[in-house]
Amino acid sequence: MGADEPADRPIEERPIAERFYRGHILRLSGGRQTGVVRSLSGKDIPFTFAFVEMLGDKRRFEDLHVGTSIGYDVSWTSRGLRVSLMRILD
């Protein structure tokens, strides 16, 4: 953020890249349509594509590839932390 931009600006007004955690696709399983995201801090977070809300132009499982840069958000489930929202940044 620039010096003239308030740090407490509402999330809806921030640039798209600042609205999400950042990471990349580490692993994909096409048959089960599952995968793992690696965060910038090195944490591995699984996802099941059927339970992920996709944003942006690329919304299909076939648009995901190992190494693809993404923005994402997470939710807690009975099985732990999972990716719940994803946007392809490449």
N, C-alpha and C. Protein backbone atom coordinates (compact mmCIF):
# COMPACT_ATOMS: atom_id res chain seq x y z
N MET A 1 0.83 -1.18 0.00
CA MET A 1 0.00 0.00 0.00
C MET A 1 0.87 1.24 0.00
N GLY A 2 0.40 2.24 -0.68
CA GLY A 2 1.14 3.49 -0.73
C GLY A 2 0.96 4.28 0.55
N ALA A 3 1.75 5.33 0.71
CA ALA A 3 1.70 6.14 1.92
C ALA A 3 0.37 6.86 2.08
N ASP A 4 -0.32 7.13 0.97
CA ASP A 4 -1.59 7.84 1.05
C ASP A 4 -2.79 6.91 1.17
N GLU A 5 -2.56 5.60 1.28
CA GLU A 5 -3.65 4.64 1.39
C GLU A 5 -3.78 4.18 2.84
N PRO A 6 -4.97 4.28 3.43
CA PRO A 6 -5.14 3.85 4.82
C PRO A 6 -5.01 2.32 4.94
N ALA A 7 -4.33 1.88 6.00
CA ALA A 7 -4.11 0.45 6.23
C ALA A 7 -5.41 -0.27 6.59
N ASP A 8 -6.37 0.46 7.13
CA ASP A 8 -7.63 -0.18 7.54
C ASP A 8 -8.72 -0.07 6.48
N ARG A 9 -8.30 0.11 5.24
CA ARG A 9 -9.24 0.19 4.11
C ARG A 9 -10.05 -1.10 4.03
N PRO A 10 -11.36 -1.04 3.78
CA PRO A 10 -12.17 -2.25 3.68
C PRO A 10 -11.63 -3.20 2.61
N ILE A 11 -11.75 -4.50 2.86
CA ILE A 11 -11.18 -5.50 1.96
C ILE A 11 -11.75 -5.39 0.55
N GLU A 12 -13.02 -4.98 0.42
CA GLU A 12 -13.64 -4.87 -0.90
C GLU A 12 -12.97 -3.80 -1.76
N GLU A 13 -12.31 -2.84 -1.12
CA GLU A 13 -11.68 -1.75 -1.85
C GLU A 13 -10.20 -2.02 -2.16
N ARG A 14 -9.66 -3.10 -1.63
CA ARG A 14 -8.26 -3.43 -1.87
C ARG A 14 -8.10 -4.08 -3.24
N PRO A 15 -6.91 -3.95 -3.85
CA PRO A 15 -6.66 -4.66 -5.11
C PRO A 15 -6.85 -6.16 -4.91
N ILE A 16 -7.25 -6.87 -5.95
CA ILE A 16 -7.59 -8.29 -5.86
C ILE A 16 -6.45 -9.12 -5.26
N ALA A 17 -5.21 -8.79 -5.57
CA ALA A 17 -4.08 -9.56 -5.08
C ALA A 17 -3.91 -9.43 -3.57
N GLU A 18 -4.44 -8.38 -2.95
CA GLU A 18 -4.32 -8.18 -1.52
C GLU A 18 -5.47 -8.79 -0.73
N ARG A 19 -6.46 -9.34 -1.39
CA ARG A 19 -7.64 -9.86 -0.70
C ARG A 19 -7.49 -11.29 -0.23
N PHE A 20 -6.47 -12.00 -0.69
CA PHE A 20 -6.34 -13.42 -0.43
C PHE A 20 -4.97 -13.75 0.12
N TYR A 21 -4.88 -14.93 0.74
CA TYR A 21 -3.57 -15.51 1.00
C TYR A 21 -3.00 -15.90 -0.36
N ARG A 22 -1.69 -15.99 -0.46
CA ARG A 22 -1.06 -16.35 -1.73
C ARG A 22 -0.34 -17.68 -1.59
N GLY A 23 -0.30 -18.43 -2.67
CA GLY A 23 0.40 -19.70 -2.67
C GLY A 23 0.42 -20.28 -4.07
N HIS A 24 0.70 -21.58 -4.15
CA HIS A 24 0.68 -22.26 -5.44
C HIS A 24 0.21 -23.70 -5.27
N ILE A 25 -0.23 -24.29 -6.36
CA ILE A 25 -0.69 -25.67 -6.35
C ILE A 25 0.53 -26.57 -6.22
N LEU A 26 0.52 -27.41 -5.19
CA LEU A 26 1.63 -28.32 -4.95
C LEU A 26 1.36 -29.69 -5.55
N ARG A 27 0.13 -30.19 -5.38
CA ARG A 27 -0.24 -31.52 -5.89
C ARG A 27 -1.69 -31.50 -6.35
N LEU A 28 -1.98 -32.33 -7.35
CA LEU A 28 -3.35 -32.51 -7.85
C LEU A 28 -3.62 -33.99 -8.07
N SER A 29 -4.85 -34.40 -7.78
CA SER A 29 -5.31 -35.74 -8.09
C SER A 29 -6.55 -35.59 -8.97
N GLY A 30 -6.37 -35.81 -10.28
CA GLY A 30 -7.44 -35.58 -11.24
C GLY A 30 -8.65 -36.48 -11.04
N GLY A 31 -8.43 -37.74 -10.70
CA GLY A 31 -9.54 -38.68 -10.52
C GLY A 31 -10.48 -38.28 -9.40
N ARG A 32 -9.89 -37.85 -8.28
CA ARG A 32 -10.72 -37.46 -7.13
C ARG A 32 -10.98 -35.96 -7.09
N GLN A 33 -10.35 -35.22 -7.98
CA GLN A 33 -10.43 -33.76 -8.03
C GLN A 33 -10.11 -33.15 -6.66
N THR A 34 -8.96 -33.54 -6.14
CA THR A 34 -8.44 -32.99 -4.90
C THR A 34 -7.05 -32.45 -5.15
N GLY A 35 -6.53 -31.73 -4.20
CA GLY A 35 -5.19 -31.20 -4.34
C GLY A 35 -4.68 -30.62 -3.05
N VAL A 36 -3.49 -30.07 -3.13
CA VAL A 36 -2.83 -29.43 -2.00
C VAL A 36 -2.26 -28.10 -2.46
N VAL A 37 -2.49 -27.07 -1.66
CA VAL A 37 -1.93 -25.75 -1.89
C VAL A 37 -0.79 -25.56 -0.91
N ARG A 38 0.32 -25.01 -1.38
CA ARG A 38 1.42 -24.64 -0.49
C ARG A 38 1.39 -23.13 -0.33
N SER A 39 1.26 -22.68 0.93
CA SER A 39 1.23 -21.25 1.22
C SER A 39 2.62 -20.66 1.06
N LEU A 40 2.71 -19.34 1.03
CA LEU A 40 4.01 -18.68 0.93
C LEU A 40 4.87 -18.97 2.16
N SER A 41 4.24 -19.30 3.28
CA SER A 41 4.99 -19.63 4.50
C SER A 41 5.38 -21.11 4.56
N GLY A 42 4.97 -21.89 3.54
CA GLY A 42 5.36 -23.30 3.48
C GLY A 42 4.36 -24.28 4.05
N LYS A 43 3.19 -23.83 4.46
CA LYS A 43 2.16 -24.72 4.99
C LYS A 43 1.40 -25.37 3.84
N ASP A 44 1.16 -26.67 3.95
CA ASP A 44 0.38 -27.41 2.94
C ASP A 44 -1.07 -27.50 3.39
N ILE A 45 -1.98 -27.05 2.53
CA ILE A 45 -3.41 -27.00 2.85
C ILE A 45 -4.17 -27.76 1.77
N PRO A 46 -4.89 -28.83 2.14
CA PRO A 46 -5.61 -29.62 1.14
C PRO A 46 -6.90 -28.95 0.68
N PHE A 47 -7.41 -29.43 -0.45
CA PHE A 47 -8.73 -29.00 -0.91
C PHE A 47 -9.38 -30.12 -1.70
N THR A 48 -10.70 -30.09 -1.69
CA THR A 48 -11.53 -30.92 -2.56
C THR A 48 -12.26 -29.94 -3.46
N PHE A 49 -12.05 -30.06 -4.76
CA PHE A 49 -12.52 -29.06 -5.71
C PHE A 49 -14.03 -28.82 -5.60
N ALA A 50 -14.81 -29.84 -5.34
CA ALA A 50 -16.27 -29.68 -5.25
C ALA A 50 -16.68 -28.71 -4.15
N PHE A 51 -15.81 -28.50 -3.16
CA PHE A 51 -16.12 -27.63 -2.02
C PHE A 51 -15.38 -26.30 -2.07
N VAL A 52 -14.75 -26.00 -3.20
CA VAL A 52 -14.01 -24.74 -3.37
C VAL A 52 -14.81 -23.81 -4.26
N GLU A 53 -15.00 -22.58 -3.81
CA GLU A 53 -15.62 -21.57 -4.65
C GLU A 53 -14.52 -20.93 -5.50
N MET A 54 -14.66 -21.02 -6.81
CA MET A 54 -13.66 -20.46 -7.73
C MET A 54 -14.09 -19.06 -8.16
N LEU A 55 -13.14 -18.15 -8.18
CA LEU A 55 -13.38 -16.79 -8.63
C LEU A 55 -12.54 -16.51 -9.87
N GLY A 56 -12.95 -15.56 -10.66
CA GLY A 56 -12.19 -15.18 -11.85
C GLY A 56 -12.67 -15.92 -13.09
N ASP A 57 -11.89 -15.77 -14.17
CA ASP A 57 -12.26 -16.37 -15.45
C ASP A 57 -12.04 -17.87 -15.50
N LYS A 58 -11.01 -18.34 -14.83
CA LYS A 58 -10.68 -19.77 -14.85
C LYS A 58 -11.31 -20.43 -13.63
N ARG A 59 -12.32 -21.28 -13.86
CA ARG A 59 -13.10 -21.84 -12.76
C ARG A 59 -13.19 -23.36 -12.79
N ARG A 60 -12.51 -24.01 -13.73
CA ARG A 60 -12.60 -25.46 -13.84
C ARG A 60 -11.40 -26.14 -13.19
N PHE A 61 -11.58 -27.38 -12.76
CA PHE A 61 -10.47 -28.14 -12.20
C PHE A 61 -9.36 -28.27 -13.23
N GLU A 62 -9.73 -28.38 -14.49
CA GLU A 62 -8.75 -28.54 -15.57
C GLU A 62 -7.87 -27.30 -15.75
N ASP A 63 -8.29 -26.16 -15.19
CA ASP A 63 -7.49 -24.93 -15.26
C ASP A 63 -6.35 -24.93 -14.24
N LEU A 64 -6.40 -25.84 -13.27
CA LEU A 64 -5.37 -25.93 -12.24
C LEU A 64 -4.24 -26.83 -12.70
N HIS A 65 -3.02 -26.43 -12.41
CA HIS A 65 -1.84 -27.21 -12.75
C HIS A 65 -0.84 -27.07 -11.61
N VAL A 66 -0.01 -28.06 -11.42
CA VAL A 66 1.04 -27.98 -10.41
C VAL A 66 1.90 -26.76 -10.72
N GLY A 67 2.11 -25.94 -9.71
CA GLY A 67 2.90 -24.72 -9.87
C GLY A 67 2.08 -23.47 -10.14
N THR A 68 0.78 -23.61 -10.43
CA THR A 68 -0.07 -22.46 -10.69
C THR A 68 -0.14 -21.56 -9.47
N SER A 69 0.10 -20.26 -9.64
CA SER A 69 -0.02 -19.29 -8.55
C SER A 69 -1.50 -19.00 -8.31
N ILE A 70 -1.87 -19.00 -7.04
CA ILE A 70 -3.27 -18.76 -6.69
C ILE A 70 -3.37 -17.82 -5.50
N GLY A 71 -4.53 -17.19 -5.41
CA GLY A 71 -4.96 -16.51 -4.21
C GLY A 71 -6.03 -17.40 -3.61
N TYR A 72 -6.09 -17.50 -2.29
CA TYR A 72 -7.04 -18.43 -1.69
C TYR A 72 -7.46 -17.97 -0.31
N ASP A 73 -8.53 -18.55 0.19
CA ASP A 73 -8.95 -18.39 1.57
C ASP A 73 -9.23 -19.77 2.13
N VAL A 74 -9.34 -19.87 3.43
CA VAL A 74 -9.49 -21.18 4.08
C VAL A 74 -10.69 -21.18 5.01
N SER A 75 -11.13 -22.40 5.35
CA SER A 75 -12.20 -22.62 6.32
C SER A 75 -11.81 -23.80 7.19
N TRP A 76 -12.38 -23.84 8.37
CA TRP A 76 -12.18 -25.00 9.24
C TRP A 76 -13.29 -26.00 8.99
N THR A 77 -12.93 -27.27 8.85
CA THR A 77 -13.90 -28.35 8.70
C THR A 77 -13.66 -29.35 9.81
N SER A 78 -14.46 -30.40 9.85
CA SER A 78 -14.26 -31.46 10.84
C SER A 78 -12.92 -32.17 10.63
N ARG A 79 -12.34 -32.03 9.45
CA ARG A 79 -11.05 -32.66 9.13
C ARG A 79 -9.89 -31.67 9.20
N GLY A 80 -10.16 -30.45 9.67
CA GLY A 80 -9.11 -29.46 9.80
C GLY A 80 -9.23 -28.34 8.78
N LEU A 81 -8.14 -27.63 8.59
CA LEU A 81 -8.10 -26.48 7.69
C LEU A 81 -8.16 -26.94 6.24
N ARG A 82 -9.02 -26.29 5.44
CA ARG A 82 -9.17 -26.62 4.02
C ARG A 82 -9.31 -25.34 3.21
N VAL A 83 -8.85 -25.39 1.96
CA VAL A 83 -9.04 -24.26 1.04
C VAL A 83 -10.53 -24.20 0.68
N SER A 84 -11.13 -23.02 0.81
CA SER A 84 -12.55 -22.89 0.52
C SER A 84 -12.84 -21.92 -0.63
N LEU A 85 -11.87 -21.09 -0.97
CA LEU A 85 -12.04 -20.08 -2.01
C LEU A 85 -10.72 -19.97 -2.76
N MET A 86 -10.78 -19.90 -4.09
CA MET A 86 -9.56 -19.89 -4.87
C MET A 86 -9.73 -19.02 -6.11
N ARG A 87 -8.64 -18.33 -6.46
CA ARG A 87 -8.58 -17.55 -7.70
C ARG A 87 -7.21 -17.77 -8.33
N ILE A 88 -7.20 -18.17 -9.59
CA ILE A 88 -5.94 -18.38 -10.30
C ILE A 88 -5.36 -17.02 -10.65
N LEU A 89 -4.09 -16.81 -10.29
CA LEU A 89 -3.44 -15.52 -10.51
C LEU A 89 -2.57 -15.49 -11.75
N ASP A 90 -2.20 -16.63 -12.29
CA ASP A 90 -1.34 -16.70 -13.50
C ASP A 90 -2.06 -16.15 -14.70
